Every structure is written in C-alpha cells, then in structure tokens.
Amino acid sequence: MNDSNMLALVASADISRVVESWPSGKVHSLFANSLNLQFGDRLVHVGHLAEGLAPFGIGAERADIERLLWNVRIGELVRYQANQLIFSDRVRLSMNQVDVTDHTLDVYPYDLQTVDENVDCIFSNILEEDWHTGFIETDIKRLLKDRCQSCTVHNSDLMTEKLQELEALAFGRQTTGSEGVFNYWIGRGQGLTPSGDDLLVGMCAAMDGLGRSNPVFLRQLKSYLLDKGHARTTEIGYEYLWYATDKKYHSHVINICKSFVNEQTYTPLEAAQEMKAVGHTSGTDTLIGILIGAKGLK
C-alpha cells in the first residue's frame, strides 16, 4: 500500500449510517494522534486503534494515522464513495476490511457487593495517587471522599449540592428542573470535552451497565442537547453526550464498566489506568462520573 492509501481496521457500527446519510463532509479538527471529520451534523473520529474507539470512531494503525495527519488540512473536503473516505486524489482511507464494533453498553449479571468493592478500590486509588481532573482539585477530592464507603465526611459546598441535584434527576428521585441541572454541568470545565460533560457521560454509563438506566432522564438530556447543546458545550463534548443518550460509549468506558462486574480479563485498576490515559483529564473525569453513578445506585 503506497503512502496515499491508508487502511481502516475497525469502525463503530454508526459510522456507515453517518457517511451514507451525508457522503460529503470536511476535516473538522486535527490533533497529535487523531482527527475528526464532520458529515452533516455528526462527527467521525479517526485515530490509532491502540487508543480505543469512540462510538463514532474509525481505528487504523499508527503509521496510517500519521500519514493521514501529514496529508490533510482543517476544512479540506472529504467524501465517502466506493467504501472509501476520499480526501483528495492522493489521499484515501479504505473501509473495505473494517471490523464493525457495537458500542452499546450491555447489562451483565452482577453481585452488588463485588461492584461496591471494585468502585471503592478505584475511589481510593484516585484519592491516594496523582490523578489529574478538570475540576478544582480540592472540590472533587472532597466530593469523592464524601462518597467513599470508608469515609464519613459530609460537605455542603456548591459542587456537592449541584451533584446531589444531578443524582436526584438521573436516579429518578426528581423529574423536574432538568434545565437548571444541565445548565450547571454541560460545558463546565476546559478542554475538548469539558469535565462536566465527561462526568455526565460516566454517570449514564454506570446506570446503563448496571441495568438502572432512566429513560426519562435520557429523554430530558437528549431534548436539552437538541435545544441548547451546541451553544453550551464543544462539538466533541456534544457528540459523546449525544451517543450516551443512546447508550453508546467509548470502548474504554465499556471496559471499565465490564471490569466492575468481572465480565472480562481486565481488573478494575487496569481498566481505570486505561481510562486515565484518555485525553488530558477526560478519562479521569469520565471515570469519576462512572464511580459516582455506581455508588449512587446502591
């Protein structure tokens, strides 16, 4: 295969629907190890297979991603034709040999005590080690201690109060006031995916993975995204939230949720370290949401 023709190895199940619905798109954004394409109102993330796969992702070998990044520019047109992403006559990403992956988070039978022990183990690891988050460090550590089984600290700071409101909405104890709750969390924090978005995605994943998904909450979240989402958060943050409302997640999120119920070879700490490596703080912020969601469903 020459330098201008790259090979995609894996793609999430939604990719074909996106590129067939909107066959003409553009290069949306470029990063050190990946890029986003935009087709219609949807993003497609193209990155190294070794770094996991987004629910709107395509994975390829590192060398092919590096060649692709070298040859394309933001705003450049891209079209889907004959099972290829064609950036120009010189640059093509073939989809002929992709393995298609389903990113819907399944529910597995589990023992609640095992889940609780695994969650507490990771809580303790985050508190004891140098995990960087997108939240104010002292606020998030107080919040985590308040939810750790071995701690008895109780706080009433603003973040704790807002989290309690979010939990009440997510877990079905409250059905009104969703706009105010989402206004606080969605778009909160810095980065390509704001920390508040990541925490929300994590909480949704915990509820889905433990069979406690709240359809009312998911409808409220999707409605908010349609109405205000693009004005409140980044396009990439929006995309992860959008897929979460359909119970679809990054492969690393699926791995950590599976590890809590011992449904795979990863230990919870191994899966947590995998999450830690995602983005600058995005993986950690999502993991915190998963932990809080799992603890809240006791």
C-alpha atoms as a PDB file:
ATOM      1  CA  MET A   1       0.000   0.000   0.000  1.00  0.00           C
ATOM      2  CA  ASN A   2       1.503   3.342  -1.032  1.00  0.00           C
ATOM      3  CA  ASP A   3       1.728   6.482   1.089  1.00  0.00           C
ATOM      4  CA  SER A   4      -1.542   7.942  -0.198  1.00  0.00           C
ATOM      5  CA  ASN A   5      -3.765   4.947   0.534  1.00  0.00           C
ATOM      6  CA  MET A   6      -4.460   4.031   4.139  1.00  0.00           C
ATOM      7  CA  LEU A   7      -6.454   1.145   5.574  1.00  0.00           C
ATOM      8  CA  ALA A   8      -9.082   1.403   8.313  1.00  0.00           C
ATOM      9  CA  LEU A   9      -9.171  -1.695  10.516  1.00  0.00           C
ATOM     10  CA  VAL A  10     -12.217  -1.131  12.722  1.00  0.00           C
ATOM     11  CA  ALA A  11     -15.241   1.162  12.775  1.00  0.00           C
ATOM     12  CA  SER A  12     -18.118   1.654  15.167  1.00  0.00           C
ATOM     13  CA  ALA A  13     -21.491   0.480  13.914  1.00  0.00           C
ATOM     14  CA  ASP A  14     -22.870   4.013  13.482  1.00  0.00           C
ATOM     15  CA  ILE A  15     -20.197   5.096  11.002  1.00  0.00           C
ATOM     16  CA  SER A  16     -21.838   3.544   7.946  1.00  0.00           C
ATOM     17  CA  ARG A  17     -25.145   5.268   8.743  1.00  0.00           C
ATOM     18  CA  VAL A  18     -23.413   8.640   9.106  1.00  0.00           C
ATOM     19  CA  VAL A  19     -21.332   8.551   5.926  1.00  0.00           C
ATOM     20  CA  GLU A  20     -24.138   7.068   3.845  1.00  0.00           C
ATOM     21  CA  SER A  21     -26.557   9.756   5.075  1.00  0.00           C
ATOM     22  CA  TRP A  22     -24.077  12.575   4.407  1.00  0.00           C
ATOM     23  CA  PRO A  23     -21.492  11.342   1.863  1.00  0.00           C
ATOM     24  CA  SER A  24     -19.854  14.779   1.581  1.00  0.00           C
ATOM     25  CA  GLY A  25     -18.015  16.166   4.583  1.00  0.00           C
ATOM     26  CA  LYS A  26     -14.916  18.017   5.723  1.00  0.00           C
ATOM     27  CA  VAL A  27     -11.926  17.741   8.045  1.00  0.00           C
ATOM     28  CA  HIS A  28     -13.212  19.240  11.297  1.00  0.00           C
ATOM     29  CA  SER A  29     -10.155  19.172  13.589  1.00  0.00           C
ATOM     30  CA  LEU A  30      -6.623  17.758  13.797  1.00  0.00           C
ATOM     31  CA  PHE A  31      -4.769  16.534  16.893  1.00  0.00           C
ATOM     32  CA  ALA A  32      -1.385  14.992  17.597  1.00  0.00           C
ATOM     33  CA  ASN A  33      -2.652  11.426  17.150  1.00  0.00           C
ATOM     34  CA  SER A  34      -6.085  11.653  15.545  1.00  0.00           C
ATOM     35  CA  LEU A  35      -8.548  13.784  13.626  1.00  0.00           C
ATOM     36  CA  ASN A  36     -12.260  14.485  13.495  1.00  0.00           C
ATOM     37  CA  LEU A  37     -14.282  14.587  10.305  1.00  0.00           C
ATOM     38  CA  GLN A  38     -17.702  16.181  10.026  1.00  0.00           C
ATOM     39  CA  PHE A  39     -20.537  14.751   7.935  1.00  0.00           C
ATOM     40  CA  GLY A  40     -23.771  16.690   8.227  1.00  0.00           C
ATOM     41  CA  ASP A  41     -24.308  17.325  11.939  1.00  0.00           C
ATOM     42  CA  ARG A  42     -22.266  14.325  13.064  1.00  0.00           C
ATOM     43  CA  LEU A  43     -18.568  13.882  13.830  1.00  0.00           C
ATOM     44  CA  VAL A  44     -16.392  10.893  12.924  1.00  0.00           C
ATOM     45  CA  HIS A  45     -13.217  10.381  14.959  1.00  0.00           C
ATOM     46  CA  VAL A  46     -10.293   8.696  13.183  1.00  0.00           C
ATOM     47  CA  GLY A  47      -7.463   7.551  15.430  1.00  0.00           C
ATOM     48  CA  HIS A  48      -4.961   4.915  16.492  1.00  0.00           C
ATOM     49  CA  LEU A  49      -6.624   1.583  17.120  1.00  0.00           C
ATOM     50  CA  ALA A  50      -4.424   1.093  20.199  1.00  0.00           C
ATOM     51  CA  GLU A  51      -6.083   4.076  21.914  1.00  0.00           C
ATOM     52  CA  GLY A  52      -9.544   2.556  21.854  1.00  0.00           C
ATOM     53  CA  LEU A  53     -12.552   3.505  19.774  1.00  0.00           C
ATOM     54  CA  ALA A  54     -15.204   6.185  20.193  1.00  0.00           C
ATOM     55  CA  PRO A  55     -18.839   5.269  19.491  1.00  0.00           C
ATOM     56  CA  PHE A  56     -18.378   7.456  16.405  1.00  0.00           C
ATOM     57  CA  GLY A  57     -14.878   6.176  15.655  1.00  0.00           C
ATOM     58  CA  ILE A  58     -12.678   4.623  12.994  1.00  0.00           C
ATOM     59  CA  GLY A  59      -9.428   2.932  14.028  1.00  0.00           C
ATOM     60  CA  ALA A  60      -6.268   2.342  11.978  1.00  0.00           C
ATOM     61  CA  GLU A  61      -2.622   1.529  12.540  1.00  0.00           C
ATOM     62  CA  ARG A  62      -0.462   4.306  13.972  1.00  0.00           C
ATOM     63  CA  ALA A  63       1.615   4.665  10.788  1.00  0.00           C
ATOM     64  CA  ASP A  64      -1.501   5.171   8.659  1.00  0.00           C
ATOM     65  CA  ILE A  65      -2.886   7.799  11.044  1.00  0.00           C
ATOM     66  CA  GLU A  66       0.435   9.642  10.971  1.00  0.00           C
ATOM     67  CA  ARG A  67       0.428   9.649   7.155  1.00  0.00           C
ATOM     68  CA  LEU A  68      -3.158  10.837   7.112  1.00  0.00           C
ATOM     69  CA  LEU A  69      -2.420  13.699   9.520  1.00  0.00           C
ATOM     70  CA  TRP A  70       0.555  14.731   7.424  1.00  0.00           C
ATOM     71  CA  ASN A  71      -1.500  14.949   4.236  1.00  0.00           C
ATOM     72  CA  VAL A  72      -4.793  16.631   5.243  1.00  0.00           C
ATOM     73  CA  ARG A  73      -5.770  20.100   6.466  1.00  0.00           C
ATOM     74  CA  ILE A  74      -8.638  21.516   8.525  1.00  0.00           C
ATOM     75  CA  GLY A  75     -11.547  22.462   6.285  1.00  0.00           C
ATOM     76  CA  GLU A  76     -10.448  20.143   3.484  1.00  0.00           C
ATOM     77  CA  LEU A  77     -13.339  18.380   1.780  1.00  0.00           C
ATOM     78  CA  VAL A  78     -13.776  14.643   2.212  1.00  0.00           C
ATOM     79  CA  ARG A  79     -16.288  12.377   0.534  1.00  0.00           C
ATOM     80  CA  TYR A  80     -17.449   8.809   1.071  1.00  0.00           C
ATOM     81  CA  GLN A  81     -17.503   6.795  -2.124  1.00  0.00           C
ATOM     82  CA  ALA A  82     -16.989   3.132  -3.021  1.00  0.00           C
ATOM     83  CA  ASN A  83     -16.336   2.248   0.629  1.00  0.00           C
ATOM     84  CA  GLN A  84     -13.530   4.795   0.915  1.00  0.00           C
ATOM     85  CA  LEU A  85     -13.042   8.151   2.577  1.00  0.00           C
ATOM     86  CA  ILE A  86     -11.503  10.244  -0.189  1.00  0.00           C
ATOM     87  CA  PHE A  87      -9.678  13.383   0.897  1.00  0.00           C
ATOM     88  CA  SER A  88      -8.158  14.081  -2.497  1.00  0.00           C
ATOM     89  CA  ASP A  89      -6.953  12.092  -5.456  1.00  0.00           C
ATOM     90  CA  ARG A  90      -3.802  11.400  -3.429  1.00  0.00           C
ATOM     91  CA  VAL A  91      -5.248  10.537  -0.021  1.00  0.00           C
ATOM     92  CA  ARG A  92      -7.757   7.773   0.628  1.00  0.00           C
ATOM     93  CA  LEU A  93      -8.775   5.749   3.673  1.00  0.00           C
ATOM     94  CA  SER A  94     -10.175   2.380   2.636  1.00  0.00           C
ATOM     95  CA  MET A  95     -13.062   0.905   4.655  1.00  0.00           C
ATOM     96  CA  ASN A  96     -13.075  -2.393   2.772  1.00  0.00           C
ATOM     97  CA  GLN A  97     -11.637  -4.513   5.579  1.00  0.00           C
ATOM     98  CA  VAL A  98     -13.078  -2.942   8.732  1.00  0.00           C
ATOM     99  CA  ASP A  99     -14.382  -4.971  11.634  1.00  0.00           C
ATOM    100  CA  VAL A 100     -17.605  -3.311  12.779  1.00  0.00           C
ATOM    101  CA  THR A 101     -17.999  -2.902  16.545  1.00  0.00           C
ATOM    102  CA  ASP A 102     -21.182  -2.351  18.546  1.00  0.00           C
ATOM    103  CA  HIS A 103     -20.692   0.292  21.248  1.00  0.00           C
ATOM    104  CA  THR A 104     -23.982  -0.272  23.041  1.00  0.00           C
ATOM    105  CA  LEU A 105     -23.249  -0.970  26.706  1.00  0.00           C
ATOM    106  CA  ASP A 106     -24.827  -4.295  27.653  1.00  0.00           C
ATOM    107  CA  VAL A 107     -26.099  -5.214  31.099  1.00  0.00           C
ATOM    108  CA  TYR A 108     -24.384  -8.180  32.760  1.00  0.00           C
ATOM    109  CA  PRO A 109     -25.466 -10.117  35.839  1.00  0.00           C
ATOM    110  CA  TYR A 110     -23.534  -8.833  38.832  1.00  0.00           C
ATOM    111  CA  ASP A 111     -23.104  -9.076  42.570  1.00  0.00           C
ATOM    112  CA  LEU A 112     -23.702  -5.684  44.202  1.00  0.00           C
ATOM    113  CA  GLN A 113     -21.056  -6.245  46.869  1.00  0.00           C
ATOM    114  CA  THR A 114     -18.428  -7.026  44.218  1.00  0.00           C
ATOM    115  CA  VAL A 115     -19.306  -3.864  42.310  1.00  0.00           C
ATOM    116  CA  ASP A 116     -19.162  -1.803  45.501  1.00  0.00           C
ATOM    117  CA  GLU A 117     -15.747  -3.202  46.453  1.00  0.00           C
ATOM    118  CA  ASN A 118     -14.363  -2.535  42.970  1.00  0.00           C
ATOM    119  CA  VAL A 119     -15.705   1.026  42.981  1.00  0.00           C
ATOM    120  CA  ASP A 120     -14.216   1.740  46.420  1.00  0.00           C
ATOM    121  CA  CYS A 121     -10.861   0.347  45.276  1.00  0.00           C
ATOM    122  CA  ILE A 122     -10.712   2.860  42.419  1.00  0.00           C
ATOM    123  CA  PHE A 123     -12.039   5.695  44.575  1.00  0.00           C
ATOM    124  CA  SER A 124      -9.142   5.084  46.963  1.00  0.00           C
ATOM    125  CA  ASN A 125      -6.624   4.899  44.119  1.00  0.00           C
ATOM    126  CA  ILE A 126      -7.746   8.263  42.739  1.00  0.00           C
ATOM    127  CA  LEU A 127      -7.562   9.861  46.182  1.00  0.00           C
ATOM    128  CA  GLU A 128      -4.135   8.412  47.003  1.00  0.00           C
ATOM    129  CA  GLU A 129      -2.362   8.861  43.662  1.00  0.00           C
ATOM    130  CA  ASP A 130      -1.743  11.778  41.312  1.00  0.00           C
ATOM    131  CA  TRP A 131      -4.836  11.697  39.111  1.00  0.00           C
ATOM    132  CA  HIS A 132      -5.423  14.986  37.282  1.00  0.00           C
ATOM    133  CA  THR A 133      -9.011  16.089  36.772  1.00  0.00           C
ATOM    134  CA  GLY A 134     -10.603  19.038  35.032  1.00  0.00           C
ATOM    135  CA  PHE A 135     -12.404  20.029  38.211  1.00  0.00           C
ATOM    136  CA  ILE A 136     -10.947  22.117  41.026  1.00  0.00           C
ATOM    137  CA  GLU A 137      -8.787  19.551  42.808  1.00  0.00           C
ATOM    138  CA  THR A 138      -9.919  20.295  46.369  1.00  0.00           C
ATOM    139  CA  ASP A 139     -13.603  20.293  45.385  1.00  0.00           C
ATOM    140  CA  ILE A 140     -13.511  16.972  43.569  1.00  0.00           C
ATOM    141  CA  LYS A 141     -11.470  15.252  46.291  1.00  0.00           C
ATOM    142  CA  ARG A 142     -13.942  16.387  48.954  1.00  0.00           C
ATOM    143  CA  LEU A 143     -16.752  15.113  46.779  1.00  0.00           C
ATOM    144  CA  LEU A 144     -15.069  11.733  46.267  1.00  0.00           C
ATOM    145  CA  LYS A 145     -14.315  11.333  49.965  1.00  0.00           C
ATOM    146  CA  ASP A 146     -17.956  12.046  50.717  1.00  0.00           C
ATOM    147  CA  ARG A 147     -18.950   9.094  48.545  1.00  0.00           C
ATOM    148  CA  CYS A 148     -16.193   6.681  49.534  1.00  0.00           C
ATOM    149  CA  GLN A 149     -17.500   3.868  51.731  1.00  0.00           C
ATOM    150  CA  SER A 150     -14.664   4.230  54.225  1.00  0.00           C
ATOM    151  CA  CYS A 151     -15.151   8.000  54.767  1.00  0.00           C
ATOM    152  CA  THR A 152     -17.668   9.825  56.910  1.00  0.00           C
ATOM    153  CA  VAL A 153     -17.020  13.384  55.699  1.00  0.00           C
ATOM    154  CA  HIS A 154     -20.153  15.282  54.637  1.00  0.00           C
ATOM    155  CA  ASN A 155     -19.926  18.533  52.714  1.00  0.00           C
ATOM    156  CA  SER A 156     -22.370  21.173  51.545  1.00  0.00           C
ATOM    157  CA  ASP A 157     -20.234  23.103  49.042  1.00  0.00           C
ATOM    158  CA  LEU A 158     -21.747  24.216  45.723  1.00  0.00           C
ATOM    159  CA  MET A 159     -20.385  21.308  43.674  1.00  0.00           C
ATOM    160  CA  THR A 160     -21.783  18.777  46.156  1.00  0.00           C
ATOM    161  CA  GLU A 161     -25.178  20.466  46.096  1.00  0.00           C
ATOM    162  CA  LYS A 162     -25.216  20.505  42.299  1.00  0.00           C
ATOM    163  CA  LEU A 163     -24.151  16.862  42.168  1.00  0.00           C
ATOM    164  CA  GLN A 164     -26.982  15.928  44.532  1.00  0.00           C
ATOM    165  CA  GLU A 165     -29.406  17.667  42.175  1.00  0.00           C
ATOM    166  CA  LEU A 166     -27.939  15.755  39.233  1.00  0.00           C
ATOM    167  CA  GLU A 167     -28.163  12.432  41.094  1.00  0.00           C
ATOM    168  CA  ALA A 168     -31.798  13.096  42.056  1.00  0.00           C
ATOM    169  CA  LEU A 169     -32.632  13.722  38.405  1.00  0.00           C
ATOM    170  CA  ALA A 170     -30.576  10.844  36.999  1.00  0.00           C
ATOM    171  CA  PHE A 171     -31.762   8.254  39.516  1.00  0.00           C
ATOM    172  CA  GLY A 172     -35.431   9.194  39.181  1.00  0.00           C
ATOM    173  CA  ARG A 173     -35.935  10.791  42.586  1.00  0.00           C
ATOM    174  CA  GLN A 174     -36.813  14.039  40.798  1.00  0.00           C
ATOM    175  CA  THR A 175     -38.270  14.647  37.338  1.00  0.00           C
ATOM    176  CA  THR A 176     -38.387  18.445  37.156  1.00  0.00           C
ATOM    177  CA  GLY A 177     -35.691  21.105  36.999  1.00  0.00           C
ATOM    178  CA  SER A 178     -33.569  19.325  34.406  1.00  0.00           C
ATOM    179  CA  GLU A 179     -32.682  22.519  32.527  1.00  0.00           C
ATOM    180  CA  GLY A 180     -31.049  24.121  35.568  1.00  0.00           C
ATOM    181  CA  VAL A 181     -29.113  20.934  36.330  1.00  0.00           C
ATOM    182  CA  PHE A 182     -27.832  20.594  32.767  1.00  0.00           C
ATOM    183  CA  ASN A 183     -27.008  24.307  32.617  1.00  0.00           C
ATOM    184  CA  TYR A 184     -24.601  23.795  35.517  1.00  0.00           C
ATOM    185  CA  TRP A 185     -22.856  20.641  34.296  1.00  0.00           C
ATOM    186  CA  ILE A 186     -22.864  20.717  30.488  1.00  0.00           C
ATOM    187  CA  GLY A 187     -19.936  22.726  29.174  1.00  0.00           C
ATOM    188  CA  ARG A 188     -18.389  23.092  32.645  1.00  0.00           C
ATOM    189  CA  GLY A 189     -14.599  22.954  32.571  1.00  0.00           C
ATOM    190  CA  GLN A 190     -11.871  23.305  29.989  1.00  0.00           C
ATOM    191  CA  GLY A 191     -10.785  21.139  27.098  1.00  0.00           C
ATOM    192  CA  LEU A 192     -12.179  19.442  24.030  1.00  0.00           C
ATOM    193  CA  THR A 193     -14.676  17.584  26.190  1.00  0.00           C
ATOM    194  CA  PRO A 194     -15.500  19.716  29.248  1.00  0.00           C
ATOM    195  CA  SER A 195     -15.273  17.945  32.598  1.00  0.00           C
ATOM    196  CA  GLY A 196     -18.976  18.319  33.330  1.00  0.00           C
ATOM    197  CA  ASP A 197     -19.806  16.570  30.055  1.00  0.00           C
ATOM    198  CA  ASP A 198     -17.404  13.742  30.881  1.00  0.00           C
ATOM    199  CA  LEU A 199     -18.927  13.278  34.333  1.00  0.00           C
ATOM    200  CA  LEU A 200     -22.414  13.097  32.810  1.00  0.00           C
ATOM    201  CA  VAL A 201     -21.299  10.512  30.246  1.00  0.00           C
ATOM    202  CA  GLY A 202     -19.775   8.447  33.050  1.00  0.00           C
ATOM    203  CA  MET A 203     -22.930   8.541  35.152  1.00  0.00           C
ATOM    204  CA  CYS A 204     -25.030   7.448  32.171  1.00  0.00           C
ATOM    205  CA  ALA A 205     -22.612   4.562  31.548  1.00  0.00           C
ATOM    206  CA  ALA A 206     -22.845   3.379  35.166  1.00  0.00           C
ATOM    207  CA  MET A 207     -26.635   3.366  35.007  1.00  0.00           C
ATOM    208  CA  ASP A 208     -26.649   1.514  31.689  1.00  0.00           C
ATOM    209  CA  GLY A 209     -24.006  -1.025  32.712  1.00  0.00           C
ATOM    210  CA  LEU A 210     -25.782  -1.843  35.977  1.00  0.00           C
ATOM    211  CA  GLY A 211     -29.200  -2.119  34.375  1.00  0.00           C
ATOM    212  CA  ARG A 212     -30.570   1.020  36.006  1.00  0.00           C
ATOM    213  CA  SER A 213     -30.932   3.286  33.001  1.00  0.00           C
ATOM    214  CA  ASN A 214     -33.523   6.041  33.460  1.00  0.00           C
ATOM    215  CA  PRO A 215     -35.425   6.629  30.180  1.00  0.00           C
ATOM    216  CA  VAL A 216     -36.955   9.890  31.436  1.00  0.00           C
ATOM    217  CA  PHE A 217     -33.520  11.297  32.273  1.00  0.00           C
ATOM    218  CA  LEU A 218     -32.103  10.257  28.888  1.00  0.00           C
ATOM    219  CA  ARG A 219     -35.016  11.887  27.057  1.00  0.00           C
ATOM    220  CA  GLN A 220     -34.510  15.078  29.069  1.00  0.00           C
ATOM    221  CA  LEU A 221     -30.800  15.062  28.250  1.00  0.00           C
ATOM    222  CA  LYS A 222     -31.346  14.492  24.531  1.00  0.00           C
ATOM    223  CA  SER A 223     -34.003  17.214  24.415  1.00  0.00           C
ATOM    224  CA  TYR A 224     -31.613  19.633  26.126  1.00  0.00           C
ATOM    225  CA  LEU A 225     -28.842  18.769  23.674  1.00  0.00           C
ATOM    226  CA  LEU A 226     -31.123  19.390  20.702  1.00  0.00           C
ATOM    227  CA  ASP A 227     -32.299  22.704  22.113  1.00  0.00           C
ATOM    228  CA  LYS A 228     -29.190  24.154  23.772  1.00  0.00           C
ATOM    229  CA  GLY A 229     -26.340  21.683  23.474  1.00  0.00           C
ATOM    230  CA  HIS A 230     -24.319  23.317  20.716  1.00  0.00           C
ATOM    231  CA  ALA A 231     -24.482  26.683  22.470  1.00  0.00           C
ATOM    232  CA  ARG A 232     -23.409  25.203  25.813  1.00  0.00           C
ATOM    233  CA  THR A 233     -20.516  22.886  25.027  1.00  0.00           C
ATOM    234  CA  THR A 234     -17.914  21.875  22.462  1.00  0.00           C
ATOM    235  CA  GLU A 235     -18.836  19.882  19.377  1.00  0.00           C
ATOM    236  CA  ILE A 236     -16.818  16.906  20.608  1.00  0.00           C
ATOM    237  CA  GLY A 237     -18.341  17.073  24.087  1.00  0.00           C
ATOM    238  CA  TYR A 238     -21.768  17.244  22.465  1.00  0.00           C
ATOM    239  CA  GLU A 239     -21.050  14.140  20.412  1.00  0.00           C
ATOM    240  CA  TYR A 240     -20.118  11.949  23.382  1.00  0.00           C
ATOM    241  CA  LEU A 241     -23.215  13.136  25.275  1.00  0.00           C
ATOM    242  CA  TRP A 242     -25.407  12.501  22.234  1.00  0.00           C
ATOM    243  CA  TYR A 243     -24.234   8.917  21.923  1.00  0.00           C
ATOM    244  CA  ALA A 244     -24.608   8.386  25.683  1.00  0.00           C
ATOM    245  CA  THR A 245     -28.320   9.148  25.350  1.00  0.00           C
ATOM    246  CA  ASP A 246     -28.424   6.137  23.000  1.00  0.00           C
ATOM    247  CA  LYS A 247     -26.391   4.032  25.484  1.00  0.00           C
ATOM    248  CA  LYS A 248     -23.293   4.020  23.264  1.00  0.00           C
ATOM    249  CA  TYR A 249     -19.815   4.655  24.646  1.00  0.00           C
ATOM    250  CA  HIS A 250     -16.075   4.674  24.018  1.00  0.00           C
ATOM    251  CA  SER A 251     -14.528   1.199  24.203  1.00  0.00           C
ATOM    252  CA  HIS A 252     -12.539   2.174  27.322  1.00  0.00           C
ATOM    253  CA  VAL A 253     -15.758   3.159  29.115  1.00  0.00           C
ATOM    254  CA  ILE A 254     -17.277  -0.201  28.206  1.00  0.00           C
ATOM    255  CA  ASN A 255     -14.155  -1.967  29.513  1.00  0.00           C
ATOM    256  CA  ILE A 256     -14.243  -0.248  32.909  1.00  0.00           C
ATOM    257  CA  CYS A 257     -17.952  -0.967  33.360  1.00  0.00           C
ATOM    258  CA  LYS A 258     -17.402  -4.619  32.479  1.00  0.00           C
ATOM    259  CA  SER A 259     -14.484  -4.844  34.890  1.00  0.00           C
ATOM    260  CA  PHE A 260     -16.725  -3.817  37.794  1.00  0.00           C
ATOM    261  CA  VAL A 261     -18.837  -6.933  37.313  1.00  0.00           C
ATOM    262  CA  ASN A 262     -15.876  -9.211  36.495  1.00  0.00           C
ATOM    263  CA  GLU A 263     -17.055  -9.902  32.953  1.00  0.00           C
ATOM    264  CA  GLN A 264     -13.620  -9.724  31.331  1.00  0.00           C
ATOM    265  CA  THR A 265      -9.936 -10.254  31.960  1.00  0.00           C
ATOM    266  CA  TYR A 266      -9.226  -6.626  32.915  1.00  0.00           C
ATOM    267  CA  THR A 267      -9.031  -5.935  36.618  1.00  0.00           C
ATOM    268  CA  PRO A 268     -10.804  -2.719  37.654  1.00  0.00           C
ATOM    269  CA  LEU A 269      -7.482  -0.987  38.328  1.00  0.00           C
ATOM    270  CA  GLU A 270      -6.105  -1.987  34.916  1.00  0.00           C
ATOM    271  CA  ALA A 271      -9.225  -0.668  33.220  1.00  0.00           C
ATOM    272  CA  ALA A 272      -9.012   2.506  35.322  1.00  0.00           C
ATOM    273  CA  GLN A 273      -5.422   3.099  34.192  1.00  0.00           C
ATOM    274  CA  GLU A 274      -6.601   2.694  30.594  1.00  0.00           C
ATOM    275  CA  MET A 275      -9.198   5.401  31.254  1.00  0.00           C
ATOM    276  CA  LYS A 276      -6.600   7.643  32.903  1.00  0.00           C
ATOM    277  CA  ALA A 277      -4.638   7.773  29.641  1.00  0.00           C
ATOM    278  CA  VAL A 278      -7.572   9.226  27.659  1.00  0.00           C
ATOM    279  CA  GLY A 279      -7.023  12.904  26.899  1.00  0.00           C
ATOM    280  CA  HIS A 280      -5.566  15.333  29.426  1.00  0.00           C
ATOM    281  CA  THR A 281      -8.252  14.828  32.088  1.00  0.00           C
ATOM    282  CA  SER A 282     -11.178  13.464  30.074  1.00  0.00           C
ATOM    283  CA  GLY A 283     -10.684   9.816  31.019  1.00  0.00           C
ATOM    284  CA  THR A 284     -10.385  10.619  34.717  1.00  0.00           C
ATOM    285  CA  ASP A 285     -13.426  12.909  34.675  1.00  0.00           C
ATOM    286  CA  THR A 286     -15.481  10.227  32.915  1.00  0.00           C
ATOM    287  CA  LEU A 287     -14.279   7.623  35.408  1.00  0.00           C
ATOM    288  CA  ILE A 288     -15.327   9.853  38.305  1.00  0.00           C
ATOM    289  CA  GLY A 289     -18.800  10.021  36.766  1.00  0.00           C
ATOM    290  CA  ILE A 290     -18.898   6.225  36.475  1.00  0.00           C
ATOM    291  CA  LEU A 291     -17.861   5.800  40.109  1.00  0.00           C
ATOM    292  CA  ILE A 292     -20.377   8.339  41.388  1.00  0.00           C
ATOM    293  CA  GLY A 293     -23.092   6.753  39.275  1.00  0.00           C
ATOM    294  CA  ALA A 294     -22.290   3.261  40.538  1.00  0.00           C
ATOM    295  CA  LYS A 295     -22.227   4.388  44.186  1.00  0.00           C
ATOM    296  CA  GLY A 296     -25.498   6.243  43.792  1.00  0.00           C
ATOM    297  CA  LEU A 297     -27.278   3.126  42.544  1.00  0.00           C
ATOM    298  CA  LYS A 298     -26.668   1.148  45.726  1.00  0.00           C
END
